[in-house]
C-alpha atoms as a PDB file:
ATOM      1  CA  MET A   1      20.208  11.494  11.296  1.00  0.00           C
ATOM      2  CA  GLU A   2      17.092  11.691  13.090  1.00  0.00           C
ATOM      3  CA  LYS A   3      15.583  14.445  11.043  1.00  0.00           C
ATOM      4  CA  VAL A   4      16.213  12.126   7.910  1.00  0.00           C
ATOM      5  CA  ILE A   5      14.608   9.028   9.146  1.00  0.00           C
ATOM      6  CA  PHE A   6      11.526  11.079  10.407  1.00  0.00           C
ATOM      7  CA  PHE A   7      11.467  12.531   6.839  1.00  0.00           C
ATOM      8  CA  SER A   8      11.711   9.483   5.117  1.00  0.00           C
ATOM      9  CA  GLN A   9       8.866   7.917   7.552  1.00  0.00           C
ATOM     10  CA  ILE A  10       6.509  10.697   6.530  1.00  0.00           C
ATOM     11  CA  THR A  11       7.564  10.114   2.515  1.00  0.00           C
ATOM     12  CA  VAL A  12       7.128   6.471   2.644  1.00  0.00           C
ATOM     13  CA  SER A  13       3.731   6.602   4.745  1.00  0.00           C
ATOM     14  CA  VAL A  14       2.332   9.309   1.923  1.00  0.00           C
ATOM     15  CA  LEU A  15       3.537   6.811  -0.805  1.00  0.00           C
ATOM     16  CA  LEU A  16       1.798   3.797   1.349  1.00  0.00           C
ATOM     17  CA  VAL A  17      -1.558   5.623   1.433  1.00  0.00           C
ATOM     18  CA  ILE A  18      -1.307   6.628  -2.013  1.00  0.00           C
ATOM     19  CA  ALA A  19      -0.576   2.887  -3.116  1.00  0.00           C
ATOM     20  CA  ILE A  20      -3.304   1.544  -1.154  1.00  0.00           C
ATOM     21  CA  LEU A  21      -5.989   4.009  -2.622  1.00  0.00           C
ATOM     22  CA  LEU A  22      -4.884   3.394  -6.160  1.00  0.00           C
ATOM     23  CA  GLN A  23      -5.900  -0.304  -5.831  1.00  0.00           C
ATOM     24  CA  ASN A  24      -8.927  -1.758  -7.579  1.00  0.00           C
ATOM     25  CA  ARG A  25     -11.216  -3.219  -4.833  1.00  0.00           C
ATOM     26  CA  GLY A  26     -13.196  -5.147  -7.602  1.00  0.00           C
ATOM     27  CA  SER A  27     -16.696  -4.271  -6.090  1.00  0.00           C
ATOM     28  CA  GLY A  28     -18.102  -1.244  -7.765  1.00  0.00           C
ATOM     29  CA  LEU A  29     -21.763  -0.233  -8.180  1.00  0.00           C
ATOM     30  CA  SER A  30     -22.877  -3.542  -9.630  1.00  0.00           C
ATOM     31  CA  ALA A  31     -22.321  -5.217  -6.308  1.00  0.00           C
ATOM     32  CA  VAL A  32     -25.293  -3.074  -4.841  1.00  0.00           C
ATOM     33  CA  PHE A  33     -27.589  -4.213  -7.146  1.00  0.00           C
ATOM     34  CA  GLY A  34     -26.691  -7.907  -6.809  1.00  0.00           C
ATOM     35  CA  GLY A  35     -24.294  -8.575  -9.583  1.00  0.00           C
ATOM     36  CA  GLY A  36     -21.533  -9.329  -7.626  1.00  0.00           C
ATOM     37  CA  GLY A  37     -19.217 -10.498 -10.281  1.00  0.00           C
ATOM     38  CA  ASN A  38     -17.337 -12.788  -8.068  1.00  0.00           C
ATOM     39  CA  ILE A  39     -14.812 -14.145 -10.749  1.00  0.00           C
ATOM     40  CA  TYR A  40     -11.480 -15.776  -9.353  1.00  0.00           C
ATOM     41  CA  ARG A  41      -8.690 -14.108 -11.573  1.00  0.00           C
ATOM     42  CA  THR A  42      -5.101 -13.513 -10.981  1.00  0.00           C
ATOM     43  CA  LYS A  43      -3.405  -9.937 -10.600  1.00  0.00           C
ATOM     44  CA  ARG A  44      -1.631  -8.806 -13.741  1.00  0.00           C
ATOM     45  CA  GLY A  45       0.548  -5.918 -15.293  1.00  0.00           C
ATOM     46  CA  LEU A  46       0.058  -2.828 -13.495  1.00  0.00           C
ATOM     47  CA  GLU A  47      -2.250  -4.196 -10.760  1.00  0.00           C
ATOM     48  CA  LYS A  48       0.251  -6.786  -9.640  1.00  0.00           C
ATOM     49  CA  GLY A  49       3.327  -4.313  -9.460  1.00  0.00           C
ATOM     50  CA  LEU A  50       1.076  -2.100  -7.185  1.00  0.00           C
ATOM     51  CA  PHE A  51       0.337  -4.930  -5.233  1.00  0.00           C
ATOM     52  CA  SER A  52       4.033  -5.742  -4.711  1.00  0.00           C
ATOM     53  CA  LEU A  53       5.039  -1.852  -4.188  1.00  0.00           C
ATOM     54  CA  THR A  54       2.517  -1.649  -1.341  1.00  0.00           C
ATOM     55  CA  ILE A  55       4.069  -4.801   0.318  1.00  0.00           C
ATOM     56  CA  ILE A  56       7.528  -3.348   0.135  1.00  0.00           C
ATOM     57  CA  LEU A  57       6.288   0.073   1.090  1.00  0.00           C
ATOM     58  CA  VAL A  58       4.701  -1.691   4.258  1.00  0.00           C
ATOM     59  CA  ILE A  59       7.930  -3.381   5.009  1.00  0.00           C
ATOM     60  CA  LEU A  60       9.863  -0.220   4.507  1.00  0.00           C
ATOM     61  CA  PHE A  61       7.453   1.856   6.849  1.00  0.00           C
ATOM     62  CA  VAL A  62       7.870  -0.850   9.528  1.00  0.00           C
ATOM     63  CA  ALA A  63      11.606  -1.027   9.289  1.00  0.00           C
ATOM     64  CA  ILE A  64      11.892   2.723   9.383  1.00  0.00           C
ATOM     65  CA  GLY A  65       9.545   2.794  12.480  1.00  0.00           C
ATOM     66  CA  ILE A  66      11.989   0.245  14.353  1.00  0.00           C
ATOM     67  CA  ALA A  67      14.878   2.402  13.306  1.00  0.00           C
ATOM     68  CA  ASN A  68      13.356   5.247  14.504  1.00  0.00           C
ATOM     69  CA  LEU A  69      12.732   3.758  17.958  1.00  0.00           C
ATOM     70  CA  TYR A  70      16.173   2.702  18.372  1.00  0.00           C
ATOM     71  CA  ILE A  71      17.543   5.930  17.599  1.00  0.00           C
ATOM     72  CA  SER A  72      15.463   7.830  19.867  1.00  0.00           C
END
């Protein structure tokens, strides 16, 4: 049982890193030269789905970490 939780925590952590790195920050090279483009906009489509997936993965990571703490 401990090995299953250990491998699931590693898998969730790798997926979490990938989800965080895939998110678009919105500040590219144009911000360096003064064109910040500070426009308020809502998340739509893939960006919203990726944001929701990141939140779900964080909750799973914390829950698996707490379960790992109780089992150990």
